[in-house]
Amino acid sequence: MSENRENSAFYTARPQIAIDGEINSGLGLGLLALEVRETRDGLASCEATFTNWGPIGRSLDFLYFRRDILDFGKNITIRLGELPNDKLVFNGRIMALEAVFPQAGSPALCVLADD
């Protein structure tokens, strides 16, 4: 049975996340929650939460507080699927960063973006 990928309704569920045009596999793997909203006026917003604790060099530390990867004004693009048939879910600018410290769990960083 041959598989026709171009007409398939199935695609990879793990999003590809690019910051300023560069795919960051760590963000894709560390994604905890993603919500994209679009209004009737065509304005879209995105709320993405990433784990913010992990290995840096030889120690464990916050991954994104240094703002070298995630920072205000940087472009964030989210796609689903694999090239060349991937689907653009969101493309916009980072407008806010929110630290999340749950009682039971690792620290996280919530990224708020608008198109």
N, C-alpha and C. Protein backbone atom coordinates (compact mmCIF):
# COMPACT_ATOMS: atom_id res chain seq x y z
N MET A 1 0.85 -1.17 0.00
CA MET A 1 0.00 0.00 0.00
C MET A 1 0.90 1.24 0.00
N SER A 2 0.74 2.08 -1.00
CA SER A 2 1.56 3.28 -1.06
C SER A 2 0.94 4.39 -0.23
N GLU A 3 1.81 5.25 0.24
CA GLU A 3 1.37 6.34 1.11
C GLU A 3 1.52 7.65 0.35
N ASN A 4 0.44 8.42 0.27
CA ASN A 4 0.46 9.71 -0.41
C ASN A 4 0.52 10.81 0.65
N ARG A 5 1.74 11.30 0.93
CA ARG A 5 1.92 12.29 1.99
C ARG A 5 1.30 13.64 1.66
N GLU A 6 1.25 14.00 0.36
CA GLU A 6 0.76 15.32 -0.01
C GLU A 6 -0.72 15.50 0.32
N ASN A 7 -1.50 14.44 0.26
CA ASN A 7 -2.93 14.54 0.52
C ASN A 7 -3.32 14.00 1.89
N SER A 8 -2.35 13.70 2.71
CA SER A 8 -2.62 13.12 4.02
C SER A 8 -3.12 14.19 4.99
N ALA A 9 -4.08 13.80 5.81
CA ALA A 9 -4.59 14.70 6.85
C ALA A 9 -3.77 14.56 8.12
N PHE A 10 -2.80 13.67 8.13
CA PHE A 10 -1.98 13.44 9.32
C PHE A 10 -0.66 14.18 9.19
N TYR A 11 -0.16 14.70 10.30
CA TYR A 11 1.10 15.41 10.32
C TYR A 11 1.71 15.29 11.70
N THR A 12 2.98 15.62 11.80
CA THR A 12 3.69 15.56 13.07
C THR A 12 3.08 16.55 14.05
N ALA A 13 2.76 16.09 15.25
CA ALA A 13 2.11 16.95 16.23
C ALA A 13 3.09 17.84 16.98
N ARG A 14 4.37 17.48 17.02
CA ARG A 14 5.36 18.29 17.73
C ARG A 14 5.70 19.51 16.86
N PRO A 15 5.39 20.71 17.31
CA PRO A 15 5.64 21.91 16.50
C PRO A 15 7.12 22.17 16.29
N GLN A 16 7.43 22.79 15.16
CA GLN A 16 8.75 23.34 14.91
C GLN A 16 8.69 24.81 15.28
N ILE A 17 9.60 25.25 16.13
CA ILE A 17 9.59 26.64 16.59
C ILE A 17 10.87 27.30 16.13
N ALA A 18 10.71 28.43 15.44
CA ALA A 18 11.87 29.19 14.97
C ALA A 18 11.86 30.56 15.62
N ILE A 19 13.03 31.01 16.03
CA ILE A 19 13.22 32.35 16.58
C ILE A 19 14.10 33.12 15.60
N ASP A 20 13.58 34.24 15.12
CA ASP A 20 14.27 35.04 14.10
C ASP A 20 14.73 34.18 12.92
N GLY A 21 13.86 33.26 12.50
CA GLY A 21 14.12 32.45 11.31
C GLY A 21 14.94 31.20 11.53
N GLU A 22 15.43 30.96 12.74
CA GLU A 22 16.27 29.80 13.02
C GLU A 22 15.51 28.80 13.88
N ILE A 23 15.33 27.58 13.37
CA ILE A 23 14.61 26.54 14.12
C ILE A 23 15.40 26.20 15.37
N ASN A 24 14.69 26.16 16.52
CA ASN A 24 15.30 25.84 17.80
C ASN A 24 14.67 24.54 18.30
N SER A 25 15.38 23.43 18.14
CA SER A 25 14.82 22.13 18.51
C SER A 25 14.58 22.02 20.02
N GLY A 26 15.39 22.72 20.82
CA GLY A 26 15.20 22.70 22.27
C GLY A 26 13.86 23.29 22.67
N LEU A 27 13.44 24.36 22.01
CA LEU A 27 12.12 24.93 22.30
C LEU A 27 11.01 23.97 21.91
N GLY A 28 11.15 23.32 20.77
CA GLY A 28 10.14 22.36 20.33
C GLY A 28 10.00 21.20 21.31
N LEU A 29 11.11 20.70 21.80
CA LEU A 29 11.08 19.59 22.75
C LEU A 29 10.61 20.02 24.13
N GLY A 30 10.89 21.28 24.50
CA GLY A 30 10.53 21.77 25.82
C GLY A 30 9.17 22.44 25.90
N LEU A 31 8.40 22.38 24.81
CA LEU A 31 7.08 23.01 24.80
C LEU A 31 6.13 22.28 25.73
N LEU A 32 5.55 23.00 26.68
CA LEU A 32 4.59 22.42 27.63
C LEU A 32 3.15 22.71 27.24
N ALA A 33 2.91 23.91 26.71
CA ALA A 33 1.53 24.30 26.32
C ALA A 33 1.62 25.32 25.19
N LEU A 34 0.63 25.27 24.30
CA LEU A 34 0.58 26.19 23.18
C LEU A 34 -0.87 26.55 22.90
N GLU A 35 -1.13 27.85 22.82
CA GLU A 35 -2.47 28.33 22.48
C GLU A 35 -2.32 29.47 21.49
N VAL A 36 -2.96 29.31 20.33
CA VAL A 36 -2.96 30.34 19.30
C VAL A 36 -4.40 30.77 19.09
N ARG A 37 -4.64 32.08 19.12
CA ARG A 37 -5.99 32.61 18.95
C ARG A 37 -6.00 33.58 17.78
N GLU A 38 -7.10 33.57 17.02
CA GLU A 38 -7.27 34.53 15.94
C GLU A 38 -8.66 35.13 16.04
N THR A 39 -8.74 36.45 15.95
CA THR A 39 -10.02 37.14 16.07
C THR A 39 -10.70 37.22 14.70
N ARG A 40 -11.94 37.64 14.69
CA ARG A 40 -12.65 37.85 13.43
C ARG A 40 -12.00 38.92 12.59
N ASP A 41 -11.27 39.83 13.23
CA ASP A 41 -10.59 40.90 12.52
C ASP A 41 -9.28 40.44 11.89
N GLY A 42 -8.90 39.19 12.14
CA GLY A 42 -7.68 38.64 11.56
C GLY A 42 -6.44 38.81 12.41
N LEU A 43 -6.59 39.38 13.61
CA LEU A 43 -5.44 39.53 14.51
C LEU A 43 -5.21 38.22 15.26
N ALA A 44 -3.96 37.82 15.34
CA ALA A 44 -3.64 36.56 16.01
C ALA A 44 -2.70 36.81 17.18
N SER A 45 -2.83 35.96 18.20
CA SER A 45 -1.92 36.01 19.34
C SER A 45 -1.54 34.58 19.71
N CYS A 46 -0.42 34.47 20.39
CA CYS A 46 0.11 33.15 20.74
C CYS A 46 0.59 33.18 22.18
N GLU A 47 0.31 32.11 22.89
CA GLU A 47 0.82 31.91 24.24
C GLU A 47 1.49 30.54 24.27
N ALA A 48 2.80 30.53 24.43
CA ALA A 48 3.57 29.28 24.44
C ALA A 48 4.35 29.19 25.74
N THR A 49 4.24 28.05 26.41
CA THR A 49 4.94 27.85 27.68
C THR A 49 6.00 26.76 27.49
N PHE A 50 7.23 27.09 27.90
CA PHE A 50 8.36 26.19 27.74
C PHE A 50 8.96 25.87 29.10
N THR A 51 9.49 24.66 29.25
CA THR A 51 10.24 24.34 30.45
C THR A 51 11.46 25.26 30.49
N ASN A 52 11.79 25.75 31.68
CA ASN A 52 12.88 26.73 31.80
C ASN A 52 13.96 26.25 32.76
N TRP A 53 14.15 24.94 32.83
CA TRP A 53 15.16 24.39 33.71
C TRP A 53 15.83 23.22 33.01
N GLY A 54 17.15 23.25 32.96
CA GLY A 54 17.85 22.15 32.29
C GLY A 54 19.34 22.37 32.28
N PRO A 55 20.04 21.49 31.57
CA PRO A 55 21.50 21.56 31.56
C PRO A 55 22.02 22.72 30.72
N ILE A 56 22.95 23.48 31.32
CA ILE A 56 23.72 24.50 30.61
C ILE A 56 25.17 24.25 30.98
N GLY A 57 25.93 23.82 30.01
CA GLY A 57 27.31 23.43 30.31
C GLY A 57 27.31 22.21 31.20
N ARG A 58 27.97 22.32 32.35
CA ARG A 58 28.06 21.18 33.27
C ARG A 58 27.15 21.32 34.49
N SER A 59 26.24 22.27 34.45
CA SER A 59 25.35 22.45 35.59
C SER A 59 23.90 22.61 35.13
N LEU A 60 22.99 22.60 36.07
CA LEU A 60 21.58 22.85 35.80
C LEU A 60 21.28 24.30 36.12
N ASP A 61 20.49 24.94 35.26
CA ASP A 61 20.20 26.35 35.45
C ASP A 61 18.95 26.71 34.65
N PHE A 62 18.53 27.97 34.76
CA PHE A 62 17.43 28.47 33.95
C PHE A 62 17.90 28.55 32.50
N LEU A 63 17.06 28.11 31.58
CA LEU A 63 17.45 28.03 30.18
C LEU A 63 17.28 29.34 29.42
N TYR A 64 16.25 30.12 29.77
CA TYR A 64 15.88 31.25 28.91
C TYR A 64 15.86 32.61 29.60
N PHE A 65 16.28 32.71 30.84
CA PHE A 65 16.28 34.01 31.52
C PHE A 65 17.38 34.94 30.99
N ARG A 66 18.41 34.41 30.33
CA ARG A 66 19.49 35.24 29.83
C ARG A 66 19.05 36.07 28.62
N ARG A 67 17.93 35.70 28.01
CA ARG A 67 17.31 36.41 26.89
C ARG A 67 18.15 36.39 25.62
N ASP A 68 19.09 35.44 25.52
CA ASP A 68 19.83 35.30 24.28
C ASP A 68 19.01 34.55 23.22
N ILE A 69 18.05 33.75 23.65
CA ILE A 69 17.19 33.01 22.72
C ILE A 69 15.82 33.68 22.64
N LEU A 70 15.16 33.82 23.76
CA LEU A 70 13.83 34.44 23.80
C LEU A 70 13.95 35.84 24.37
N ASP A 71 13.51 36.84 23.60
CA ASP A 71 13.59 38.21 24.06
C ASP A 71 12.51 39.04 23.38
N PHE A 72 12.20 40.17 23.95
CA PHE A 72 11.18 41.07 23.42
C PHE A 72 11.53 41.48 21.99
N GLY A 73 10.52 41.47 21.11
CA GLY A 73 10.69 41.92 19.75
C GLY A 73 11.21 40.88 18.77
N LYS A 74 11.71 39.75 19.28
CA LYS A 74 12.18 38.72 18.36
C LYS A 74 10.99 38.07 17.66
N ASN A 75 11.21 37.62 16.43
CA ASN A 75 10.17 36.96 15.66
C ASN A 75 10.07 35.50 16.09
N ILE A 76 8.85 35.02 16.29
CA ILE A 76 8.62 33.61 16.61
C ILE A 76 7.67 33.02 15.57
N THR A 77 8.07 31.88 15.00
CA THR A 77 7.28 31.19 14.00
C THR A 77 7.03 29.77 14.49
N ILE A 78 5.78 29.33 14.37
CA ILE A 78 5.41 27.98 14.79
C ILE A 78 4.78 27.27 13.60
N ARG A 79 5.31 26.08 13.29
CA ARG A 79 4.82 25.28 12.18
C ARG A 79 4.54 23.86 12.66
N LEU A 80 3.59 23.20 12.01
CA LEU A 80 3.28 21.79 12.27
C LEU A 80 3.59 21.00 11.02
N GLY A 81 4.09 19.80 11.20
CA GLY A 81 4.36 18.93 10.06
C GLY A 81 5.81 18.99 9.63
N GLU A 82 6.06 18.33 8.51
CA GLU A 82 7.42 18.24 7.99
C GLU A 82 7.48 18.90 6.63
N LEU A 83 8.63 19.46 6.30
CA LEU A 83 8.83 20.07 4.99
C LEU A 83 8.61 19.04 3.91
N PRO A 84 8.09 19.32 2.77
CA PRO A 84 7.69 20.65 2.30
C PRO A 84 6.22 20.95 2.55
N ASN A 85 5.51 20.07 3.24
CA ASN A 85 4.07 20.23 3.42
C ASN A 85 3.69 20.71 4.81
N ASP A 86 4.61 21.40 5.49
CA ASP A 86 4.30 21.86 6.84
C ASP A 86 3.26 22.98 6.79
N LYS A 87 2.61 23.19 7.91
CA LYS A 87 1.54 24.19 8.02
C LYS A 87 1.96 25.29 8.98
N LEU A 88 1.90 26.54 8.53
CA LEU A 88 2.19 27.68 9.38
C LEU A 88 1.05 27.86 10.37
N VAL A 89 1.35 27.86 11.66
CA VAL A 89 0.35 28.03 12.70
C VAL A 89 0.37 29.47 13.21
N PHE A 90 1.58 30.02 13.37
CA PHE A 90 1.69 31.38 13.90
C PHE A 90 3.00 32.00 13.46
N ASN A 91 2.96 33.31 13.19
CA ASN A 91 4.16 34.09 12.90
C ASN A 91 3.95 35.48 13.49
N GLY A 92 4.79 35.87 14.44
CA GLY A 92 4.62 37.17 15.08
C GLY A 92 5.83 37.56 15.90
N ARG A 93 5.66 38.57 16.73
CA ARG A 93 6.74 39.11 17.56
C ARG A 93 6.47 38.84 19.04
N ILE A 94 7.53 38.55 19.78
CA ILE A 94 7.42 38.33 21.22
C ILE A 94 7.16 39.67 21.89
N MET A 95 6.05 39.74 22.62
CA MET A 95 5.64 40.98 23.27
C MET A 95 5.83 40.93 24.79
N ALA A 96 5.82 39.73 25.38
CA ALA A 96 5.95 39.61 26.83
C ALA A 96 6.55 38.25 27.19
N LEU A 97 7.26 38.22 28.31
CA LEU A 97 7.82 36.99 28.88
C LEU A 97 7.35 36.91 30.32
N GLU A 98 6.86 35.75 30.71
CA GLU A 98 6.31 35.58 32.06
C GLU A 98 6.90 34.34 32.70
N ALA A 99 7.57 34.52 33.84
CA ALA A 99 8.13 33.39 34.58
C ALA A 99 7.00 32.66 35.29
N VAL A 100 7.10 31.32 35.29
CA VAL A 100 6.10 30.48 35.95
C VAL A 100 6.85 29.55 36.89
N PHE A 101 6.45 29.59 38.17
CA PHE A 101 7.08 28.75 39.19
C PHE A 101 6.00 27.91 39.87
N PRO A 102 5.62 26.77 39.29
CA PRO A 102 4.57 25.94 39.89
C PRO A 102 5.05 25.29 41.18
N GLN A 103 4.10 25.03 42.07
CA GLN A 103 4.45 24.39 43.34
C GLN A 103 5.02 23.00 43.12
N ALA A 104 4.44 22.26 42.20
CA ALA A 104 4.91 20.90 41.92
C ALA A 104 5.35 20.83 40.47
N GLY A 105 6.61 21.10 40.22
CA GLY A 105 7.11 21.02 38.85
C GLY A 105 8.28 21.95 38.63
N SER A 106 8.82 21.86 37.44
CA SER A 106 9.97 22.67 37.08
C SER A 106 9.55 24.08 36.68
N PRO A 107 10.46 25.04 36.82
CA PRO A 107 10.16 26.39 36.36
C PRO A 107 9.88 26.41 34.87
N ALA A 108 9.06 27.35 34.46
CA ALA A 108 8.69 27.47 33.05
C ALA A 108 8.72 28.94 32.66
N LEU A 109 8.71 29.18 31.36
CA LEU A 109 8.65 30.54 30.83
C LEU A 109 7.53 30.59 29.82
N CYS A 110 6.62 31.54 30.02
CA CYS A 110 5.49 31.73 29.12
C CYS A 110 5.83 32.89 28.17
N VAL A 111 5.72 32.64 26.88
CA VAL A 111 6.00 33.63 25.85
C VAL A 111 4.67 34.09 25.27
N LEU A 112 4.42 35.40 25.27
CA LEU A 112 3.22 35.96 24.68
C LEU A 112 3.64 36.72 23.44
N ALA A 113 2.98 36.43 22.31
CA ALA A 113 3.36 37.05 21.04
C ALA A 113 2.10 37.49 20.27
N ASP A 114 2.27 38.53 19.47
CA ASP A 114 1.22 39.03 18.60
C ASP A 114 1.73 39.06 17.17
N ASP A 115 0.78 38.91 16.22
CA ASP A 115 1.21 38.98 14.82
C ASP A 115 1.26 40.40 14.32
